[in-house]
Amino acid sequence: MAGGAGDDAKLETLAEFRRRYPMVGDLEKRAKWRIPRFAYEFLQGGAGDETGLNRNRSALKAVEVVPRYGIDVSKVDTSVELFGRRYAAPIGISPIGFDGMMWPGATERFAKAAQAHNIPYMVGTLACSTIEKVVEWAPDVTWFQLYPMAPNTHQYSLEMAERARVAGAKVLVATLDVPVRAKRPRDLRNGLTMPFRLTPKTMMAAAMAPFWLDAIRRMGMPTFANMAGFAGAPDRVTTSAFVQKHIGGGFPWEQIARIRDKWTGPMIVKGVMHPADAVKALSLGLNGVVVSNHGGRQFDAAPATIDVLPEITRTIGTRGTVLFDSGVVSGVDMLRALACGANSCFAGRAFMLGLAALGDHGATHMAQAFIEEYRIALGQNGLLSSDEARHAPVRHPGAWTADNFQIRT
């Protein structure tokens, strides 16, 4: 197929996309030849030998939900209420750092698809568009994921949170699970560095991805847009240097409390894997947690998120909202997560694979696919709502129990 990303829209309608690429696995195959190898492997890679990444999927697949029949499912309600707002379905778009490298213009596409389909978009600190622009594109559904900037006693973290508040982000999400930088072998092998450069090696990979190059031509080279003001210049070298120096260091609980004191709206933490951490978050006045192992990209020995989810949910009960992330690729996975106790889910890789495989329409394709698959999953199980899904009969062979968690005081 010749031409740029715009040609895809002319040749293939969204209906045709749904027919030809019904599963995320279909998108993986197409994405692999549409974007450069370094971008594809950055997206698909994990920490270490990727045991944790693969564990997320195998554990989710092991969860069984028992269907009930003889029920009128002609009026299934897929919606869910989170922090006072009702969304179309219990799915949202997870933050993806440096998203514009994998598909130029990704931040804008995610924001507009989320707004159009009324699902949350948890845009990241290291996205390739500013929080201010994202709120313009998605004024009703933008959540902001705050990365720690530990140097200077987290002053930059506080300033970034204030920017998100002024811009109009609905929920603040502080990321806990990046205390140190992970070792990701695929990126090392591909020579992926910051700032992103078209070196001879990357140029050779890019030359084999004309759709991606056309998107670069239209949207420009990606940069850490939110960092430009802090770095003092908008160019990629300066902003990347700032990221290298200031992003990271983790969020100690005292800093979470400090941010909570200044943030007036709903606030949650992302990266919770232990019930005691969920309890600590609520004790500081937070509204909930995201059970996540960063998609297997941080710590290879971490349990699958679905396996720790039930005990975290049981521990905090109705005192806070429990969201689920890492490994979700279908509406059936959404049902599995809710049956194990989650209030809602987020997915990152699946949405980015949509863009990588289908171009600018990929985020819309995935939003529609998730909502429709979830509707089918509810109907097949005799469930009329997301509330009912959280009480569906489920068998979860890998679930951790209270005895598995050794509380460290």
Protein backbone atom coordinates (compact mmCIF):
# COMPACT_ATOMS: atom_id res chain seq x y z
CA MET A 1 0.00 0.00 0.00
CA ALA A 2 1.66 3.22 -1.11
CA GLY A 3 1.35 6.70 0.30
CA GLY A 4 1.03 8.21 3.76
CA ALA A 5 -1.10 7.55 6.82
CA GLY A 6 -3.94 9.56 5.29
CA ASP A 7 -4.26 6.99 2.51
CA ASP A 8 -5.36 4.40 5.08
CA ALA A 9 -8.47 6.44 5.81
CA LYS A 10 -9.38 6.49 2.11
CA LEU A 11 -8.83 2.82 1.49
CA GLU A 12 -10.15 1.29 4.69
CA THR A 13 -13.09 2.40 6.76
CA LEU A 14 -13.34 1.74 10.47
CA ALA A 15 -15.84 -1.02 9.71
CA GLU A 16 -13.24 -2.69 7.51
CA PHE A 17 -10.64 -2.29 10.26
CA ARG A 18 -12.93 -4.15 12.65
CA ARG A 19 -13.39 -6.93 10.13
CA ARG A 20 -9.75 -7.30 9.15
CA TYR A 21 -8.15 -6.67 12.56
CA PRO A 22 -10.63 -7.97 15.14
CA MET A 23 -8.04 -8.85 17.81
CA VAL A 24 -4.99 -7.12 19.26
CA GLY A 25 -2.86 -9.95 17.90
CA ASP A 26 -3.88 -8.90 14.39
CA LEU A 27 -2.75 -5.35 15.16
CA GLU A 28 0.61 -6.59 16.43
CA LYS A 29 1.39 -8.24 13.11
CA ARG A 30 0.49 -5.13 11.13
CA ALA A 31 2.21 -2.70 13.53
CA LYS A 32 5.46 -4.62 13.30
CA TRP A 33 6.00 -3.66 9.67
CA ARG A 34 4.41 -0.20 9.82
CA ILE A 35 6.63 1.39 12.46
CA PRO A 36 10.41 1.14 12.92
CA ARG A 37 11.80 -1.79 14.82
CA PHE A 38 13.13 0.37 17.66
CA ALA A 39 9.67 1.91 18.17
CA TYR A 40 7.88 -1.44 18.02
CA GLU A 41 10.24 -3.06 20.50
CA PHE A 42 10.07 -0.07 22.85
CA LEU A 43 6.30 -0.52 22.88
CA GLN A 44 6.29 -4.29 23.24
CA GLY A 45 9.29 -4.70 25.51
CA GLY A 46 9.52 -5.18 29.25
CA ALA A 47 12.08 -5.30 32.02
CA GLY A 48 14.68 -8.05 32.29
CA ASP A 49 13.84 -11.21 30.40
CA GLU A 50 10.18 -10.11 30.20
CA THR A 51 8.88 -12.83 32.50
CA GLY A 52 6.71 -10.26 34.27
CA LEU A 53 5.29 -8.92 31.03
CA ASN A 54 4.28 -12.40 29.91
CA ARG A 55 2.99 -13.29 33.39
CA ASN A 56 0.39 -10.53 33.15
CA ARG A 57 -1.19 -12.08 30.07
CA SER A 58 -1.02 -15.71 31.16
CA ALA A 59 -2.53 -14.88 34.56
CA LEU A 60 -5.40 -12.93 32.99
CA LYS A 61 -6.11 -15.78 30.59
CA ALA A 62 -6.36 -18.20 33.53
CA VAL A 63 -9.28 -16.30 35.10
CA GLU A 64 -12.63 -17.96 34.38
CA VAL A 65 -16.02 -16.25 34.68
CA VAL A 66 -19.10 -18.48 34.88
CA PRO A 67 -21.94 -17.37 32.55
CA ARG A 68 -25.59 -17.39 33.56
CA TYR A 69 -28.34 -17.86 30.98
CA GLY A 70 -32.09 -17.36 30.71
CA ILE A 71 -31.72 -13.63 31.35
CA ASP A 72 -32.98 -10.83 29.10
CA VAL A 73 -29.81 -8.99 28.02
CA SER A 74 -31.41 -6.73 25.42
CA LYS A 75 -30.59 -3.68 27.56
CA VAL A 76 -27.01 -4.03 28.77
CA ASP A 77 -25.50 -0.91 30.34
CA THR A 78 -21.71 -0.79 29.89
CA SER A 79 -21.22 2.51 31.73
CA VAL A 80 -19.35 3.04 35.00
CA GLU A 81 -19.15 5.92 37.46
CA LEU A 82 -15.71 7.08 38.59
CA PHE A 83 -15.14 10.03 40.90
CA GLY A 84 -18.52 11.57 40.23
CA ARG A 85 -18.53 11.20 36.43
CA ARG A 86 -20.19 8.49 34.37
CA TYR A 87 -18.06 7.04 31.56
CA ALA A 88 -19.16 4.90 28.66
CA ALA A 89 -17.38 1.75 29.84
CA PRO A 90 -14.84 0.61 32.45
CA ILE A 91 -11.87 1.18 30.16
CA GLY A 92 -9.47 4.07 29.82
CA ILE A 93 -6.25 4.88 27.99
CA SER A 94 -3.14 4.40 30.12
CA PRO A 95 -0.21 6.82 30.00
CA ILE A 96 2.57 5.93 27.57
CA GLY A 97 5.85 7.80 27.88
CA PHE A 98 7.28 9.32 24.70
CA ASP A 99 4.16 8.20 22.85
CA GLY A 100 5.01 10.28 19.79
CA MET A 101 8.03 8.13 19.05
CA MET A 102 5.81 5.10 18.48
CA TRP A 103 3.25 7.07 16.48
CA PRO A 104 3.75 10.80 15.81
CA GLY A 105 0.76 12.76 17.07
CA ALA A 106 -0.30 9.93 19.39
CA THR A 107 -1.18 12.18 22.32
CA GLU A 108 -3.68 14.16 20.24
CA ARG A 109 -5.21 11.01 18.76
CA PHE A 110 -5.65 9.43 22.18
CA ALA A 111 -7.20 12.59 23.64
CA LYS A 112 -9.70 13.05 20.82
CA ALA A 113 -10.69 9.37 20.76
CA ALA A 114 -11.21 9.38 24.54
CA GLN A 115 -13.36 12.51 24.39
CA ALA A 116 -15.42 11.17 21.49
CA HIS A 117 -16.09 7.84 23.24
CA ASN A 118 -16.38 9.20 26.79
CA ILE A 119 -13.60 7.14 28.35
CA PRO A 120 -10.80 8.47 30.61
CA TYR A 121 -7.45 9.41 29.13
CA MET A 122 -4.67 9.25 31.71
CA VAL A 123 -2.14 11.38 29.86
CA GLY A 124 1.43 11.10 31.07
CA THR A 125 4.01 13.63 32.20
CA LEU A 126 6.26 12.41 29.37
CA ALA A 127 3.63 12.56 26.62
CA CYS A 128 4.53 14.44 23.46
CA SER A 129 1.87 17.14 23.86
CA THR A 130 1.34 19.46 26.81
CA ILE A 131 -1.32 18.93 29.45
CA GLU A 132 -2.86 22.22 28.38
CA LYS A 133 -3.34 21.02 24.79
CA VAL A 134 -4.69 17.66 25.94
CA VAL A 135 -7.38 19.33 28.06
CA GLU A 136 -8.36 21.41 25.03
CA TRP A 137 -8.83 18.21 23.01
CA ALA A 138 -10.45 16.21 25.82
CA PRO A 139 -11.95 18.66 28.33
CA ASP A 140 -14.28 16.15 29.98
CA VAL A 141 -12.13 13.02 30.30
CA THR A 142 -8.49 14.07 30.89
CA TRP A 143 -6.72 12.59 33.90
CA PHE A 144 -3.07 13.47 34.53
CA GLN A 145 -0.36 10.98 35.46
CA LEU A 146 2.36 12.70 37.50
CA TYR A 147 5.87 11.27 37.36
CA PRO A 148 8.20 11.96 40.30
CA MET A 149 10.81 14.65 39.85
CA ALA A 150 12.74 14.08 43.06
CA PRO A 151 15.59 16.61 42.72
CA ASN A 152 14.93 19.98 44.33
CA THR A 153 12.65 18.30 46.95
CA HIS A 154 10.00 17.56 44.32
CA GLN A 155 9.41 21.22 43.56
CA TYR A 156 9.02 20.41 39.87
CA SER A 157 6.53 17.65 40.77
CA LEU A 158 4.43 20.18 42.66
CA GLU A 159 4.64 22.69 39.81
CA MET A 160 3.60 20.06 37.25
CA ALA A 161 0.64 19.05 39.41
CA GLU A 162 -0.40 22.70 39.66
CA ARG A 163 -0.20 23.04 35.88
CA ALA A 164 -2.50 20.05 35.52
CA ARG A 165 -4.96 21.53 38.03
CA VAL A 166 -5.05 24.91 36.29
CA ALA A 167 -5.40 23.24 32.88
CA GLY A 168 -8.47 21.36 34.09
CA ALA A 169 -7.39 17.73 34.56
CA LYS A 170 -10.16 15.81 36.32
CA VAL A 171 -8.05 13.35 38.34
CA LEU A 172 -4.41 13.40 39.46
CA VAL A 173 -2.57 10.07 39.30
CA ALA A 174 0.80 9.94 41.08
CA THR A 175 3.04 7.13 39.84
CA LEU A 176 4.70 5.12 42.61
CA ASP A 177 6.44 2.32 40.73
CA VAL A 178 9.41 4.15 39.17
CA PRO A 179 11.80 4.57 42.13
CA VAL A 180 14.75 3.69 39.86
CA ARG A 181 15.13 3.24 36.12
CA ALA A 182 14.52 -0.23 34.84
CA LYS A 183 16.83 -2.19 32.57
CA ARG A 184 15.02 -2.89 29.32
CA PRO A 185 17.22 -5.09 27.11
CA ARG A 186 15.32 -4.47 23.86
CA ASP A 187 16.00 -0.73 24.08
CA LEU A 188 19.67 -1.36 24.86
CA ARG A 189 20.05 -3.69 21.88
CA ASN A 190 18.38 -1.17 19.58
CA GLY A 191 20.54 1.69 20.79
CA LEU A 192 17.48 3.68 21.83
CA THR A 193 18.73 6.79 23.58
CA MET A 194 17.55 10.22 24.71
CA PRO A 195 17.32 12.55 22.98
CA PHE A 196 15.81 10.45 20.21
CA ARG A 197 18.08 10.68 17.16
CA LEU A 198 17.90 9.35 13.63
CA THR A 199 21.32 7.69 13.75
CA PRO A 200 22.46 5.46 10.86
CA LYS A 201 20.96 2.49 12.68
CA THR A 202 17.63 4.17 13.43
CA MET A 203 17.55 5.74 9.97
CA MET A 204 17.82 2.31 8.40
CA ALA A 205 14.94 1.10 10.55
CA ALA A 206 12.91 4.24 9.78
CA ALA A 207 13.51 3.88 6.04
CA MET A 208 11.63 0.59 6.18
CA ALA A 209 8.59 2.30 7.77
CA PRO A 210 7.25 4.85 5.25
CA PHE A 211 3.93 5.31 7.07
CA TRP A 212 5.78 6.30 10.24
CA LEU A 213 8.07 8.64 8.29
CA ASP A 214 5.07 10.32 6.72
CA ALA A 215 3.57 10.83 10.18
CA ILE A 216 6.89 12.38 11.31
CA ARG A 217 6.73 14.70 8.32
CA ARG A 218 3.21 15.79 9.25
CA MET A 219 3.59 15.99 13.03
CA GLY A 220 7.30 16.70 13.55
CA MET A 221 9.89 14.90 15.63
CA PRO A 222 8.59 13.93 19.08
CA THR A 223 9.68 15.75 22.21
CA PHE A 224 8.80 15.85 25.90
CA ALA A 225 6.40 18.74 25.53
CA ASN A 226 5.55 19.19 29.22
CA MET A 227 9.21 19.55 30.10
CA ALA A 228 9.98 22.49 27.79
CA GLY A 229 8.98 25.13 30.35
CA PHE A 230 11.04 23.54 33.09
CA ALA A 231 14.04 22.96 30.81
CA GLY A 232 14.02 26.55 29.53
CA ALA A 233 13.90 25.61 25.83
CA PRO A 234 11.57 23.55 23.63
CA ASP A 235 14.22 21.67 21.64
CA ARG A 236 14.58 17.92 21.99
CA VAL A 237 18.16 17.97 23.30
CA THR A 238 17.38 20.38 26.14
CA THR A 239 14.14 18.72 27.20
CA SER A 240 15.68 15.25 27.04
CA ALA A 241 18.58 16.38 29.21
CA PHE A 242 16.10 17.70 31.75
CA VAL A 243 14.25 14.38 31.75
CA GLN A 244 17.47 12.45 32.24
CA LYS A 245 18.44 14.61 35.20
CA HIS A 246 15.13 15.24 36.96
CA ILE A 247 12.60 12.49 36.20
CA GLY A 248 12.69 9.68 38.73
CA GLY A 249 13.60 9.14 42.34
CA GLY A 250 10.20 7.84 43.35
CA PHE A 251 7.46 9.37 45.49
CA PRO A 252 7.94 8.79 49.24
CA TRP A 253 4.64 8.83 51.08
CA GLU A 254 5.44 12.18 52.65
CA GLN A 255 5.61 13.70 49.17
CA ILE A 256 2.33 12.08 48.21
CA ALA A 257 0.81 13.72 51.30
CA ARG A 258 2.32 17.05 50.31
CA ILE A 259 0.79 16.85 46.82
CA ARG A 260 -2.55 15.68 48.23
CA ASP A 261 -2.67 18.79 50.42
CA LYS A 262 -2.41 21.02 47.34
CA TRP A 263 -4.59 19.06 44.89
CA THR A 264 -8.24 19.87 45.38
CA GLY A 265 -9.84 17.19 43.20
CA PRO A 266 -9.78 13.39 43.15
CA MET A 267 -6.27 11.93 43.51
CA ILE A 268 -5.06 8.35 43.25
CA VAL A 269 -1.73 6.52 43.10
CA LYS A 270 -0.64 4.16 40.33
CA GLY A 271 1.59 1.15 40.78
CA VAL A 272 0.08 -0.39 43.93
CA MET A 273 0.77 -4.12 44.28
CA HIS A 274 0.44 -4.64 48.05
CA PRO A 275 -2.67 -4.22 50.22
CA ALA A 276 -0.71 -2.28 52.83
CA ASP A 277 0.22 0.34 50.21
CA ALA A 278 -3.43 0.71 49.25
CA VAL A 279 -4.36 1.23 52.90
CA LYS A 280 -1.56 3.81 53.27
CA ALA A 281 -2.80 5.72 50.23
CA LEU A 282 -6.31 5.98 51.62
CA SER A 283 -5.00 7.04 55.02
CA LEU A 284 -3.45 10.09 53.32
CA GLY A 285 -6.80 11.14 51.91
CA LEU A 286 -6.44 9.68 48.43
CA ASN A 287 -9.53 8.47 46.61
CA GLY A 288 -8.22 5.20 45.24
CA VAL A 289 -5.40 3.21 43.67
CA VAL A 290 -4.38 1.75 40.34
CA VAL A 291 -3.25 -1.86 40.73
CA SER A 292 -0.44 -2.03 38.19
CA ASN A 293 3.04 -3.43 37.66
CA HIS A 294 3.77 -0.88 34.93
CA GLY A 295 2.91 -3.39 32.25
CA GLY A 296 5.91 -5.53 33.20
CA ARG A 297 8.28 -2.70 32.30
CA GLN A 298 9.79 -2.02 35.73
CA PHE A 299 10.36 -5.16 37.85
CA ASP A 300 10.47 -8.57 36.22
CA ALA A 301 9.72 -10.57 39.38
CA ALA A 302 6.54 -8.69 40.28
CA PRO A 303 3.34 -10.74 40.46
CA ALA A 304 0.74 -10.43 37.75
CA THR A 305 -1.55 -7.55 38.57
CA ILE A 306 -4.69 -9.70 38.32
CA ASP A 307 -3.29 -12.04 40.99
CA VAL A 308 -2.91 -9.34 43.65
CA LEU A 309 -6.08 -7.46 42.71
CA PRO A 310 -8.65 -9.45 44.76
CA GLU A 311 -6.82 -9.11 48.08
CA ILE A 312 -6.23 -5.39 47.56
CA THR A 313 -9.92 -4.95 46.78
CA ARG A 314 -10.95 -7.02 49.80
CA THR A 315 -8.63 -5.07 52.09
CA ILE A 316 -9.87 -1.58 51.25
CA GLY A 317 -13.49 -2.57 50.66
CA THR A 318 -15.68 0.36 49.69
CA ARG A 319 -13.35 3.00 51.15
CA GLY A 320 -11.69 3.72 47.80
CA THR A 321 -11.84 3.12 44.06
CA VAL A 322 -9.69 0.28 42.70
CA LEU A 323 -8.55 0.55 39.09
CA PHE A 324 -6.70 -2.13 37.15
CA ASP A 325 -3.87 -1.85 34.62
CA SER A 326 -1.31 -4.11 32.91
CA GLY A 327 -2.23 -6.78 30.39
CA VAL A 328 -5.75 -5.73 29.34
CA VAL A 329 -6.28 -6.33 25.61
CA SER A 330 -9.99 -7.16 25.25
CA GLY A 331 -13.49 -6.71 26.59
CA VAL A 332 -13.25 -10.17 28.14
CA ASP A 333 -10.19 -9.00 30.09
CA MET A 334 -12.25 -6.04 31.31
CA LEU A 335 -14.90 -8.44 32.60
CA ARG A 336 -12.23 -10.62 34.23
CA ALA A 337 -10.79 -7.62 36.07
CA LEU A 338 -14.18 -6.41 37.29
CA ALA A 339 -15.15 -9.91 38.41
CA CYS A 340 -11.93 -9.93 40.47
CA GLY A 341 -12.86 -6.67 42.16
CA ALA A 342 -11.77 -3.73 40.00
CA ASN A 343 -14.05 -0.75 39.47
CA SER A 344 -12.56 -0.07 36.04
CA CYS A 345 -9.57 -0.84 33.80
CA PHE A 346 -6.93 0.93 31.76
CA ALA A 347 -4.98 -0.26 28.72
CA GLY A 348 -1.90 1.25 27.11
CA ARG A 349 -0.19 -1.10 24.68
CA ALA A 350 -3.45 -2.09 22.99
CA PHE A 351 -4.34 1.52 22.18
CA MET A 352 -0.83 2.28 20.91
CA LEU A 353 -0.83 -0.85 18.77
CA GLY A 354 -4.03 0.50 17.24
CA LEU A 355 -2.23 3.66 16.14
CA ALA A 356 0.88 1.82 15.02
CA ALA A 357 -1.14 -0.63 12.95
CA LEU A 358 -3.93 1.57 11.59
CA GLY A 359 -2.54 5.09 11.66
CA ASP A 360 -4.47 8.06 12.99
CA HIS A 361 -7.73 6.10 13.28
CA GLY A 362 -6.25 3.40 15.49
CA ALA A 363 -7.25 4.90 18.83
CA THR A 364 -10.86 5.21 17.72
CA HIS A 365 -10.78 1.62 16.47
CA MET A 366 -9.57 0.38 19.87
CA ALA A 367 -12.03 2.46 21.88
CA GLN A 368 -14.91 1.06 19.85
CA ALA A 369 -13.52 -2.47 20.05
CA PHE A 370 -13.14 -2.41 23.84
CA ILE A 371 -16.63 -1.02 24.43
CA GLU A 372 -18.30 -3.44 22.01
CA GLU A 373 -16.37 -6.48 23.27
CA TYR A 374 -17.24 -5.59 26.84
CA ARG A 375 -20.92 -5.29 25.92
CA ILE A 376 -20.75 -8.75 24.35
CA ALA A 377 -18.95 -10.16 27.41
CA LEU A 378 -21.62 -8.80 29.74
CA GLY A 379 -24.42 -10.18 27.58
CA GLN A 380 -22.79 -13.59 27.27
CA ASN A 381 -22.63 -13.79 31.05
CA GLY A 382 -26.17 -12.65 31.74
CA LEU A 383 -24.92 -9.42 33.29
CA LEU A 384 -26.78 -6.16 32.78
CA SER A 385 -24.26 -3.67 34.21
CA SER A 386 -20.73 -3.12 35.42
CA ASP A 387 -21.98 -3.30 39.01
CA GLU A 388 -23.26 -6.80 38.32
CA ALA A 389 -19.95 -7.71 36.68
CA ARG A 390 -18.15 -7.08 40.00
CA HIS A 391 -20.25 -9.85 41.56
CA ALA A 392 -19.99 -12.41 38.78
CA PRO A 393 -18.94 -15.94 39.77
CA VAL A 394 -15.23 -16.25 39.05
CA ARG A 395 -12.46 -18.81 39.42
CA HIS A 396 -9.03 -17.28 39.85
CA PRO A 397 -6.36 -19.94 40.37
CA GLY A 398 -3.43 -17.55 40.77
CA ALA A 399 -4.98 -15.15 43.29
CA TRP A 400 -2.81 -14.18 46.24
CA THR A 401 -4.37 -14.41 49.69
CA ALA A 402 -3.65 -12.43 52.85
CA ASP A 403 -1.20 -15.14 53.93
CA ASN A 404 0.90 -14.52 50.80
CA PHE A 405 1.58 -10.92 51.80
CA GLN A 406 4.19 -10.46 54.50
CA ILE A 407 3.44 -7.07 56.01
CA ARG A 408 6.56 -4.99 56.52
CA THR A 409 6.12 -2.52 59.34
